[in-house]
Amino acid sequence: MDIKVVTIYGSMRYEKEMMKIAEELELKKGYAVIQCIYSIDGTKYDDADAIILDKMHKKKIDISDAIYVVNIDGYIGNATKNEIEYAKSHNKEIIYHEQVK
C-alpha cells in the first residue's frame, strides 16, 4: 500500500474542522496527515515565532506528497495562499476540500 503524505492547511478559524478532516483523511483515505500546530489558549504568536513557523510550514510541504487545503465556503487566507504558491513552486499536488471557484 502506497501511503500519500499530505500537510493540511487552512484558516485557524476552522481549526476544529481541520482536526476532523485530518482524522477522516487518515481513516477513510489512508493518507498520512501532517497538521499545523494550534494555539490552544488563543495565544498570538510574535514575529520571531512567525518566522520559525513559516520555515516549519515550508519543511512540512517539502516532505509531503501534497497539501490539503481546507477552504470552507471558499475562504483561503493570505498565509494559506502563500503555502499553496510554495507547494506549486515545488511541484506538489494541491488538493482542495471544496471546489475552487
N, C-alpha and C. Protein backbone atom coordinates (compact mmCIF):
# COMPACT_ATOMS: atom_id res chain seq x y z
N MET A 1 0.84 -1.18 0.00
CA MET A 1 0.00 0.00 0.00
C MET A 1 0.88 1.24 0.00
N ASP A 2 0.70 2.08 -0.99
CA ASP A 2 1.46 3.32 -1.10
C ASP A 2 0.69 4.41 -0.36
N ILE A 3 1.28 4.95 0.69
CA ILE A 3 0.60 5.96 1.51
C ILE A 3 1.05 7.34 1.09
N LYS A 4 0.08 8.20 0.79
CA LYS A 4 0.36 9.59 0.42
C LYS A 4 0.48 10.42 1.70
N VAL A 5 1.54 11.23 1.76
CA VAL A 5 1.74 12.15 2.88
C VAL A 5 1.19 13.51 2.46
N VAL A 6 0.26 14.04 3.25
CA VAL A 6 -0.31 15.35 2.97
C VAL A 6 -0.20 16.24 4.20
N THR A 7 0.05 17.51 3.95
CA THR A 7 0.03 18.51 5.02
C THR A 7 -1.24 19.30 4.85
N ILE A 8 -1.96 19.47 5.94
CA ILE A 8 -3.25 20.15 5.90
C ILE A 8 -3.07 21.61 6.28
N TYR A 9 -3.66 22.49 5.46
CA TYR A 9 -3.57 23.93 5.69
C TYR A 9 -4.94 24.56 5.57
N GLY A 10 -5.12 25.66 6.27
CA GLY A 10 -6.35 26.43 6.20
C GLY A 10 -6.35 27.47 7.30
N SER A 11 -7.37 28.28 7.28
CA SER A 11 -7.50 29.32 8.29
C SER A 11 -7.70 28.70 9.67
N MET A 12 -7.05 29.29 10.66
CA MET A 12 -7.20 28.80 12.03
C MET A 12 -8.63 28.99 12.55
N ARG A 13 -9.44 29.78 11.84
CA ARG A 13 -10.85 29.89 12.24
C ARG A 13 -11.56 28.56 12.05
N TYR A 14 -10.94 27.65 11.27
CA TYR A 14 -11.51 26.33 11.01
C TYR A 14 -10.69 25.22 11.66
N GLU A 15 -10.01 25.54 12.76
CA GLU A 15 -9.12 24.54 13.36
C GLU A 15 -9.85 23.27 13.79
N LYS A 16 -11.06 23.39 14.33
CA LYS A 16 -11.80 22.19 14.74
C LYS A 16 -12.19 21.37 13.52
N GLU A 17 -12.61 22.04 12.46
CA GLU A 17 -12.95 21.35 11.23
C GLU A 17 -11.72 20.66 10.63
N MET A 18 -10.57 21.34 10.70
CA MET A 18 -9.33 20.76 10.15
C MET A 18 -8.92 19.51 10.92
N MET A 19 -9.13 19.51 12.22
CA MET A 19 -8.80 18.32 13.00
C MET A 19 -9.70 17.16 12.60
N LYS A 20 -10.97 17.42 12.39
CA LYS A 20 -11.92 16.38 11.97
C LYS A 20 -11.58 15.89 10.56
N ILE A 21 -11.28 16.82 9.66
CA ILE A 21 -10.91 16.46 8.29
C ILE A 21 -9.64 15.61 8.29
N ALA A 22 -8.66 15.97 9.11
CA ALA A 22 -7.42 15.19 9.20
C ALA A 22 -7.71 13.76 9.63
N GLU A 23 -8.59 13.61 10.60
CA GLU A 23 -8.99 12.27 11.05
C GLU A 23 -9.61 11.48 9.90
N GLU A 24 -10.52 12.12 9.16
CA GLU A 24 -11.17 11.45 8.04
C GLU A 24 -10.18 11.09 6.94
N LEU A 25 -9.23 11.98 6.67
CA LEU A 25 -8.24 11.70 5.64
C LEU A 25 -7.39 10.49 6.00
N GLU A 26 -7.06 10.36 7.27
CA GLU A 26 -6.25 9.21 7.69
C GLU A 26 -7.07 7.93 7.73
N LEU A 27 -8.25 7.99 8.31
CA LEU A 27 -9.04 6.77 8.49
C LEU A 27 -9.75 6.31 7.22
N LYS A 28 -10.21 7.25 6.39
CA LYS A 28 -11.01 6.88 5.22
C LYS A 28 -10.24 6.91 3.91
N LYS A 29 -9.24 7.79 3.82
CA LYS A 29 -8.47 7.90 2.57
C LYS A 29 -7.11 7.20 2.68
N GLY A 30 -6.67 6.94 3.91
CA GLY A 30 -5.38 6.29 4.09
C GLY A 30 -4.19 7.20 3.92
N TYR A 31 -4.40 8.52 4.04
CA TYR A 31 -3.30 9.47 3.96
C TYR A 31 -2.59 9.55 5.31
N ALA A 32 -1.30 9.84 5.28
CA ALA A 32 -0.57 10.20 6.49
C ALA A 32 -0.61 11.73 6.54
N VAL A 33 -1.26 12.28 7.56
CA VAL A 33 -1.52 13.72 7.61
C VAL A 33 -0.57 14.41 8.58
N ILE A 34 0.04 15.48 8.08
CA ILE A 34 0.84 16.38 8.92
C ILE A 34 -0.02 17.60 9.15
N GLN A 35 -0.17 18.00 10.40
CA GLN A 35 -1.02 19.14 10.73
C GLN A 35 -0.21 20.32 11.22
N CYS A 36 -0.85 21.48 11.17
CA CYS A 36 -0.29 22.69 11.77
C CYS A 36 -0.47 22.59 13.28
N ILE A 37 0.24 23.42 14.00
CA ILE A 37 0.00 23.49 15.43
C ILE A 37 -1.13 24.47 15.69
N TYR A 38 -1.80 24.27 16.78
CA TYR A 38 -2.93 25.14 17.15
C TYR A 38 -2.63 25.77 18.49
N SER A 39 -2.97 27.04 18.63
CA SER A 39 -2.81 27.74 19.89
C SER A 39 -4.03 27.43 20.75
N ILE A 40 -3.88 26.50 21.67
CA ILE A 40 -5.00 26.03 22.48
C ILE A 40 -5.65 27.15 23.27
N ASP A 41 -4.84 28.07 23.79
CA ASP A 41 -5.40 29.13 24.63
C ASP A 41 -5.59 30.45 23.87
N GLY A 42 -5.44 30.42 22.54
CA GLY A 42 -5.65 31.61 21.73
C GLY A 42 -4.48 32.58 21.72
N THR A 43 -3.34 32.14 22.23
CA THR A 43 -2.15 32.99 22.26
C THR A 43 -1.76 33.39 20.84
N LYS A 44 -1.45 34.66 20.65
CA LYS A 44 -0.96 35.15 19.37
C LYS A 44 0.55 34.97 19.33
N TYR A 45 1.05 34.54 18.18
CA TYR A 45 2.49 34.35 18.03
C TYR A 45 3.16 35.67 17.66
N ASP A 46 4.36 35.88 18.21
CA ASP A 46 5.10 37.10 17.87
C ASP A 46 5.85 36.89 16.55
N ASP A 47 6.56 37.94 16.10
CA ASP A 47 7.23 37.88 14.81
C ASP A 47 8.29 36.79 14.75
N ALA A 48 9.03 36.60 15.83
CA ALA A 48 10.06 35.56 15.85
C ALA A 48 9.43 34.18 15.70
N ASP A 49 8.32 33.95 16.40
CA ASP A 49 7.61 32.68 16.27
C ASP A 49 7.07 32.50 14.86
N ALA A 50 6.57 33.58 14.27
CA ALA A 50 6.01 33.51 12.91
C ALA A 50 7.08 33.10 11.91
N ILE A 51 8.30 33.58 12.08
CA ILE A 51 9.40 33.22 11.19
C ILE A 51 9.71 31.72 11.32
N ILE A 52 9.75 31.24 12.55
CA ILE A 52 10.02 29.82 12.80
C ILE A 52 8.90 28.97 12.19
N LEU A 53 7.65 29.37 12.42
CA LEU A 53 6.52 28.61 11.89
C LEU A 53 6.52 28.59 10.37
N ASP A 54 6.87 29.71 9.74
CA ASP A 54 6.94 29.75 8.28
C ASP A 54 7.96 28.74 7.76
N LYS A 55 9.13 28.69 8.39
CA LYS A 55 10.16 27.71 7.98
C LYS A 55 9.66 26.29 8.18
N MET A 56 8.98 26.05 9.28
CA MET A 56 8.45 24.70 9.54
C MET A 56 7.38 24.33 8.54
N HIS A 57 6.51 25.28 8.19
CA HIS A 57 5.46 25.01 7.22
C HIS A 57 6.07 24.63 5.87
N LYS A 58 7.11 25.33 5.48
CA LYS A 58 7.78 25.01 4.21
C LYS A 58 8.43 23.63 4.27
N LYS A 59 9.03 23.30 5.39
CA LYS A 59 9.64 21.97 5.53
C LYS A 59 8.58 20.88 5.47
N LYS A 60 7.42 21.12 6.08
CA LYS A 60 6.33 20.16 6.02
C LYS A 60 5.89 19.94 4.58
N ILE A 61 5.83 21.02 3.81
CA ILE A 61 5.47 20.90 2.39
C ILE A 61 6.55 20.11 1.66
N ASP A 62 7.81 20.40 1.96
CA ASP A 62 8.92 19.71 1.31
C ASP A 62 8.84 18.18 1.48
N ILE A 63 8.43 17.73 2.65
CA ILE A 63 8.40 16.28 2.91
C ILE A 63 7.06 15.64 2.56
N SER A 64 6.11 16.45 2.08
CA SER A 64 4.79 15.95 1.72
C SER A 64 4.69 15.65 0.23
N ASP A 65 3.78 14.74 -0.10
CA ASP A 65 3.45 14.49 -1.50
C ASP A 65 2.48 15.54 -2.01
N ALA A 66 1.67 16.08 -1.10
CA ALA A 66 0.62 17.03 -1.47
C ALA A 66 0.28 17.89 -0.27
N ILE A 67 -0.44 18.99 -0.54
CA ILE A 67 -1.05 19.73 0.55
C ILE A 67 -2.56 19.63 0.38
N TYR A 68 -3.25 19.62 1.49
CA TYR A 68 -4.71 19.56 1.51
C TYR A 68 -5.20 20.88 2.07
N VAL A 69 -5.90 21.64 1.23
CA VAL A 69 -6.34 22.98 1.60
C VAL A 69 -7.78 22.93 2.08
N VAL A 70 -7.99 23.32 3.33
CA VAL A 70 -9.33 23.39 3.89
C VAL A 70 -9.86 24.79 3.58
N ASN A 71 -10.67 24.86 2.53
CA ASN A 71 -11.19 26.14 2.04
C ASN A 71 -12.71 26.19 2.22
N ILE A 72 -13.13 26.14 3.46
CA ILE A 72 -14.55 26.12 3.79
C ILE A 72 -15.21 27.40 3.29
N ASP A 73 -16.33 27.25 2.62
CA ASP A 73 -17.05 28.36 1.99
C ASP A 73 -16.16 29.14 1.03
N GLY A 74 -15.14 28.48 0.49
CA GLY A 74 -14.24 29.10 -0.48
C GLY A 74 -13.16 29.97 0.12
N TYR A 75 -13.11 30.10 1.46
CA TYR A 75 -12.16 31.02 2.08
C TYR A 75 -10.74 30.44 2.09
N ILE A 76 -9.81 31.23 1.55
CA ILE A 76 -8.39 30.92 1.61
C ILE A 76 -7.69 32.20 2.04
N GLY A 77 -7.09 32.19 3.22
CA GLY A 77 -6.40 33.37 3.74
C GLY A 77 -5.03 33.56 3.11
N ASN A 78 -4.41 34.69 3.42
CA ASN A 78 -3.11 35.03 2.84
C ASN A 78 -2.02 34.02 3.16
N ALA A 79 -1.95 33.56 4.40
CA ALA A 79 -0.91 32.59 4.77
C ALA A 79 -1.10 31.29 3.97
N THR A 80 -2.33 30.85 3.86
CA THR A 80 -2.60 29.63 3.10
C THR A 80 -2.29 29.83 1.62
N LYS A 81 -2.59 31.02 1.09
CA LYS A 81 -2.25 31.32 -0.31
C LYS A 81 -0.74 31.20 -0.52
N ASN A 82 0.03 31.70 0.45
CA ASN A 82 1.49 31.60 0.36
C ASN A 82 1.95 30.15 0.38
N GLU A 83 1.31 29.34 1.21
CA GLU A 83 1.67 27.92 1.28
C GLU A 83 1.32 27.21 -0.02
N ILE A 84 0.19 27.57 -0.62
CA ILE A 84 -0.20 26.98 -1.91
C ILE A 84 0.84 27.34 -2.97
N GLU A 85 1.25 28.60 -3.01
CA GLU A 85 2.24 29.03 -4.00
C GLU A 85 3.57 28.31 -3.80
N TYR A 86 3.97 28.15 -2.54
CA TYR A 86 5.21 27.44 -2.25
C TYR A 86 5.09 25.98 -2.72
N ALA A 87 3.97 25.36 -2.43
CA ALA A 87 3.77 23.97 -2.85
C ALA A 87 3.78 23.85 -4.38
N LYS A 88 3.10 24.76 -5.05
CA LYS A 88 3.09 24.74 -6.52
C LYS A 88 4.50 24.88 -7.08
N SER A 89 5.28 25.78 -6.48
CA SER A 89 6.65 26.01 -6.98
C SER A 89 7.55 24.80 -6.76
N HIS A 90 7.11 23.88 -5.90
CA HIS A 90 7.87 22.65 -5.64
C HIS A 90 7.15 21.42 -6.21
N ASN A 91 6.26 21.68 -7.15
CA ASN A 91 5.55 20.61 -7.88
C ASN A 91 4.80 19.64 -6.97
N LYS A 92 4.21 20.18 -5.92
CA LYS A 92 3.40 19.36 -5.02
C LYS A 92 1.95 19.38 -5.48
N GLU A 93 1.27 18.29 -5.29
CA GLU A 93 -0.15 18.22 -5.62
C GLU A 93 -0.93 19.10 -4.63
N ILE A 94 -1.92 19.81 -5.13
CA ILE A 94 -2.78 20.65 -4.28
C ILE A 94 -4.17 20.01 -4.30
N ILE A 95 -4.66 19.64 -3.13
CA ILE A 95 -5.99 19.04 -3.00
C ILE A 95 -6.84 20.04 -2.21
N TYR A 96 -7.97 20.41 -2.78
CA TYR A 96 -8.86 21.36 -2.11
C TYR A 96 -10.03 20.62 -1.49
N HIS A 97 -10.39 21.02 -0.29
CA HIS A 97 -11.53 20.43 0.40
C HIS A 97 -12.82 20.71 -0.35
N GLU A 98 -12.99 21.95 -0.79
CA GLU A 98 -14.15 22.34 -1.58
C GLU A 98 -13.66 22.78 -2.95
N GLN A 99 -14.50 22.62 -3.94
CA GLN A 99 -14.15 23.02 -5.28
C GLN A 99 -13.81 24.51 -5.32
N VAL A 100 -12.73 24.83 -6.01
CA VAL A 100 -12.29 26.22 -6.14
C VAL A 100 -13.09 26.88 -7.25
N LYS A 101 -13.61 28.06 -6.94
CA LYS A 101 -14.42 28.78 -7.93
C LYS A 101 -13.60 29.69 -8.78
